[in-house]
Amino acid sequence: MTPTLLVEDLRRSFTQGSATIEVLRGVDLAVNPGEIVALLGPSGSGKSTLLQAVGLLEGGFQGRISIAGERVEALDNAGRTRVRRDRLGFVYQFHHLLPDFSARENVVLAGLVAGRSEKAANVRADELLTALGLGDRLDHRPSQLSGGEQQRVAVARALANKPVLVLADEPTGNLDEATAAKVLAEFLSLVRGQGSAALVATHNIMLARQMDRVVTLHEGKLVPA
């Protein structure tokens, strides 16, 4: 079985004055098709740095990254854009919705960027938002939605193009405990339902245990939780 995500000897360091800070010190990770892996670690441990590398959002890394069997770490800007558009979905702690667009439009835009027809993008958006309990909120703008509802829209946007890999960085970190549990359960159900793999960064062990496997980022390397 070809892993959906394969990371080998990934390294990242930063220079502050005369000091070199090694954030990632040879990370190895494989996430198989349909598998949801929780990435545990306290704030500042490098979880976001690892997700940025895997998501092709930042350079300066050493090592190898393969997504669905394709080596991607050395792609040019056009290649990185293609992979992010066609194979990846992103959910962040803060929803980053476009404020002047409705819930439906925020999700539809992701489909249009990927080349879906407007009709297909609208059908997919309505399907996802309804599954997330927002069937009666499709035309509401983000300012008219609660924090949990806004994050549900962000989840729908991430899944709009049925990515092979979903990357989530503290996706419920900005929500209260009860809402976080509900949003995560809905997120996991949708990801499993469409067969995507996912890597979910969190510092919440209770939420992490709902996923298929847990790994911990410790001193720049991944260890089993």
Protein backbone atom coordinates (compact mmCIF):
# COMPACT_ATOMS: atom_id res chain seq x y z
CA MET A 1 0.00 0.00 0.00
CA THR A 2 1.36 3.39 -1.00
CA PRO A 3 1.07 5.83 1.92
CA THR A 4 -1.01 8.91 1.30
CA LEU A 5 1.68 10.85 3.14
CA LEU A 6 5.29 9.78 3.54
CA VAL A 7 7.75 12.04 5.37
CA GLU A 8 11.40 10.98 5.63
CA ASP A 9 14.16 12.64 7.65
CA LEU A 10 12.42 16.03 7.63
CA ARG A 11 14.47 18.78 9.24
CA ARG A 12 13.91 22.46 9.89
CA SER A 13 16.03 24.93 11.84
CA PHE A 14 15.89 28.65 12.49
CA THR A 15 18.65 31.11 13.27
CA GLN A 16 18.20 33.67 16.02
CA GLY A 17 21.27 35.85 16.34
CA SER A 18 24.20 33.50 16.80
CA ALA A 19 21.98 30.59 17.90
CA THR A 20 20.53 27.86 15.71
CA ILE A 21 17.22 26.40 16.88
CA GLU A 22 16.42 22.94 15.52
CA VAL A 23 12.65 22.53 15.43
CA LEU A 24 12.42 19.34 13.36
CA ARG A 25 15.31 16.91 13.79
CA GLY A 26 14.65 14.12 11.35
CA VAL A 27 10.92 13.47 11.36
CA ASP A 28 9.70 10.21 9.82
CA LEU A 29 5.97 9.61 9.33
CA ALA A 30 3.68 7.54 7.13
CA VAL A 31 -0.08 8.09 6.97
CA ASN A 32 -1.96 5.42 5.05
CA PRO A 33 -5.05 5.91 2.87
CA GLY A 34 -8.11 6.52 5.01
CA GLU A 35 -6.07 6.82 8.23
CA ILE A 36 -6.55 9.72 10.63
CA VAL A 37 -3.47 10.45 12.71
CA ALA A 38 -3.38 12.81 15.68
CA LEU A 39 -0.21 14.86 16.10
CA LEU A 40 0.26 15.69 19.77
CA GLY A 41 2.63 18.18 21.31
CA PRO A 42 2.60 21.32 23.45
CA SER A 43 2.60 24.79 21.97
CA GLY A 44 5.98 25.54 20.42
CA SER A 45 6.86 21.90 19.83
CA GLY A 46 6.86 22.30 16.03
CA LYS A 47 3.45 20.86 15.11
CA SER A 48 2.57 23.82 12.90
CA THR A 49 6.04 23.79 11.36
CA LEU A 50 5.56 20.15 10.36
CA LEU A 51 2.13 20.83 8.88
CA GLN A 52 3.47 23.81 6.93
CA ALA A 53 6.15 21.59 5.44
CA VAL A 54 3.72 18.83 4.50
CA GLY A 55 1.26 21.40 3.14
CA LEU A 56 3.97 22.95 0.93
CA LEU A 57 3.31 26.32 2.53
CA GLU A 58 6.87 27.20 3.48
CA GLY A 59 10.37 26.44 2.25
CA GLY A 60 13.64 26.01 4.07
CA PHE A 61 13.17 22.33 4.87
CA GLN A 62 15.43 19.36 4.33
CA GLY A 63 14.17 15.85 3.78
CA ARG A 64 11.66 14.04 1.60
CA ILE A 65 7.89 14.43 1.34
CA SER A 66 5.65 12.26 -0.83
CA ILE A 67 1.90 12.74 -1.26
CA ALA A 68 -0.04 9.93 -2.90
CA GLY A 69 3.22 8.53 -4.23
CA GLU A 70 4.52 11.79 -5.72
CA ARG A 71 7.70 13.40 -4.41
CA VAL A 72 6.74 17.00 -3.74
CA GLU A 73 9.45 18.70 -1.67
CA ALA A 74 11.37 19.96 -4.72
CA LEU A 75 8.41 21.11 -6.83
CA ASP A 76 8.39 24.63 -8.21
CA ASN A 77 5.68 27.12 -7.24
CA ALA A 78 3.31 25.94 -9.95
CA GLY A 79 3.73 22.32 -8.88
CA ARG A 80 3.16 23.16 -5.22
CA THR A 81 0.02 25.08 -6.12
CA ARG A 82 -1.25 22.10 -8.12
CA VAL A 83 -0.72 19.69 -5.24
CA ARG A 84 -2.35 21.99 -2.69
CA ARG A 85 -5.32 22.54 -5.00
CA ASP A 86 -5.87 18.97 -6.15
CA ARG A 87 -4.75 16.79 -3.24
CA LEU A 88 -4.79 18.73 0.01
CA GLY A 89 -7.39 20.26 2.30
CA PHE A 90 -6.55 22.63 5.16
CA VAL A 91 -8.34 23.45 8.42
CA TYR A 92 -6.83 25.96 10.82
CA GLN A 93 -7.56 27.03 14.39
CA PHE A 94 -9.04 30.25 13.03
CA HIS A 95 -11.49 29.78 10.19
CA HIS A 96 -10.13 32.47 7.79
CA LEU A 97 -13.47 32.73 5.99
CA LEU A 98 -14.06 35.50 3.48
CA PRO A 99 -16.29 37.93 5.39
CA ASP A 100 -18.22 39.29 2.41
CA PHE A 101 -19.28 35.85 1.17
CA SER A 102 -21.96 33.52 2.49
CA ALA A 103 -21.25 30.13 4.00
CA ARG A 104 -22.15 28.49 0.69
CA GLU A 105 -20.03 30.90 -1.33
CA ASN A 106 -16.98 30.32 0.85
CA VAL A 107 -17.19 26.61 0.09
CA VAL A 108 -18.15 27.03 -3.56
CA LEU A 109 -15.07 29.15 -4.22
CA ALA A 110 -12.82 26.23 -3.32
CA GLY A 111 -14.56 24.10 -5.94
CA LEU A 112 -14.36 26.77 -8.60
CA VAL A 113 -10.63 27.24 -8.02
CA ALA A 114 -10.19 23.50 -8.53
CA GLY A 115 -12.03 23.64 -11.86
CA ARG A 116 -15.47 22.37 -10.86
CA SER A 117 -18.46 23.77 -12.66
CA GLU A 118 -20.51 26.28 -10.71
CA LYS A 119 -23.39 23.80 -10.51
CA ALA A 120 -21.18 20.98 -9.22
CA ALA A 121 -19.49 23.29 -6.73
CA ASN A 122 -22.84 24.44 -5.38
CA VAL A 123 -24.14 20.89 -5.06
CA ARG A 124 -21.03 19.82 -3.18
CA ALA A 125 -21.15 22.86 -0.90
CA ASP A 126 -24.79 22.31 0.00
CA GLU A 127 -24.14 18.61 0.61
CA LEU A 128 -21.26 19.27 3.01
CA LEU A 129 -22.83 22.17 4.86
CA THR A 130 -26.06 20.27 5.33
CA ALA A 131 -24.14 17.28 6.68
CA LEU A 132 -22.52 19.67 9.16
CA GLY A 133 -25.90 20.95 10.35
CA LEU A 134 -25.85 24.22 8.44
CA GLY A 135 -28.57 23.49 5.92
CA ASP A 136 -30.55 26.50 7.12
CA ARG A 137 -27.51 28.78 7.30
CA LEU A 138 -26.22 28.48 3.74
CA ASP A 139 -26.77 32.15 2.88
CA HIS A 140 -25.47 33.58 6.16
CA ARG A 141 -22.21 35.48 6.20
CA PRO A 142 -19.52 34.61 8.77
CA SER A 143 -20.50 37.54 11.01
CA GLN A 144 -23.97 35.99 11.30
CA LEU A 145 -22.61 32.61 12.41
CA SER A 146 -21.37 31.39 15.77
CA GLY A 147 -17.75 30.33 16.23
CA GLY A 148 -18.68 26.67 15.91
CA GLU A 149 -20.69 27.35 12.77
CA GLN A 150 -17.84 29.30 11.21
CA GLN A 151 -15.46 26.42 11.86
CA ARG A 152 -17.94 24.00 10.31
CA VAL A 153 -17.86 26.14 7.16
CA ALA A 154 -14.06 25.95 7.23
CA VAL A 155 -14.28 22.15 7.48
CA ALA A 156 -16.65 22.04 4.51
CA ARG A 157 -14.29 24.25 2.50
CA ALA A 158 -11.36 21.94 3.27
CA LEU A 159 -13.30 18.90 2.09
CA ALA A 160 -14.94 20.53 -0.92
CA ASN A 161 -12.64 18.88 -3.47
CA LYS A 162 -12.39 15.49 -1.74
CA PRO A 163 -8.67 15.83 -0.99
CA VAL A 164 -6.59 12.69 -0.50
CA LEU A 165 -5.01 14.32 2.57
CA VAL A 166 -6.50 16.75 5.07
CA LEU A 167 -4.17 18.79 7.28
CA ALA A 168 -5.73 20.31 10.39
CA ASP A 169 -3.85 22.60 12.79
CA GLU A 170 -5.66 22.80 16.15
CA PRO A 171 -9.00 22.80 14.28
CA THR A 172 -11.07 23.13 17.47
CA GLY A 173 -8.57 25.11 19.53
CA ASN A 174 -10.62 28.29 19.37
CA LEU A 175 -13.88 26.66 20.50
CA ASP A 176 -15.35 25.85 23.88
CA GLU A 177 -15.06 22.22 25.03
CA ALA A 178 -18.58 21.11 24.12
CA THR A 179 -18.55 22.76 20.69
CA ALA A 180 -15.04 21.46 20.00
CA ALA A 181 -16.15 17.89 20.66
CA LYS A 182 -19.12 18.23 18.29
CA VAL A 183 -17.15 19.88 15.50
CA LEU A 184 -14.37 17.29 15.75
CA ALA A 185 -16.85 14.41 15.66
CA GLU A 186 -18.47 15.85 12.53
CA PHE A 187 -15.07 16.47 10.96
CA LEU A 188 -13.89 12.91 11.61
CA SER A 189 -17.15 11.45 10.30
CA LEU A 190 -16.92 13.37 7.03
CA VAL A 191 -13.23 12.60 6.52
CA ARG A 192 -13.81 8.89 7.13
CA GLY A 193 -16.92 8.94 4.96
CA GLN A 194 -15.03 10.16 1.90
CA GLY A 195 -11.96 8.00 2.55
CA SER A 196 -9.44 10.80 2.98
CA ALA A 197 -6.35 10.52 5.16
CA ALA A 198 -5.75 13.22 7.74
CA LEU A 199 -3.02 14.58 9.99
CA VAL A 200 -4.53 16.57 12.85
CA ALA A 201 -2.37 18.65 15.20
CA THR A 202 -3.76 19.08 18.70
CA HIS A 203 -2.65 19.44 22.29
CA ASN A 204 -5.85 17.79 23.57
CA ILE A 205 -5.25 14.14 24.40
CA MET A 206 -8.96 13.41 24.80
CA LEU A 207 -9.67 14.58 21.26
CA ALA A 208 -6.59 12.82 19.93
CA ARG A 209 -7.78 9.47 21.25
CA GLN A 210 -10.78 9.64 18.91
CA MET A 211 -8.46 9.24 15.94
CA ASP A 212 -6.93 6.06 14.52
CA ARG A 213 -3.42 6.64 15.80
CA VAL A 214 -1.57 9.15 17.94
CA VAL A 215 2.02 10.31 17.55
CA THR A 216 3.82 12.90 19.66
CA LEU A 217 6.34 15.47 18.53
CA HIS A 218 9.09 15.41 21.15
CA GLU A 219 12.43 17.22 20.85
CA GLY A 220 12.01 17.51 17.10
CA LYS A 221 11.14 13.88 16.40
CA LEU A 222 7.96 11.83 16.33
CA VAL A 223 7.43 9.14 18.91
CA PRO A 224 4.41 6.87 19.52
CA ALA A 225 2.04 8.35 22.10
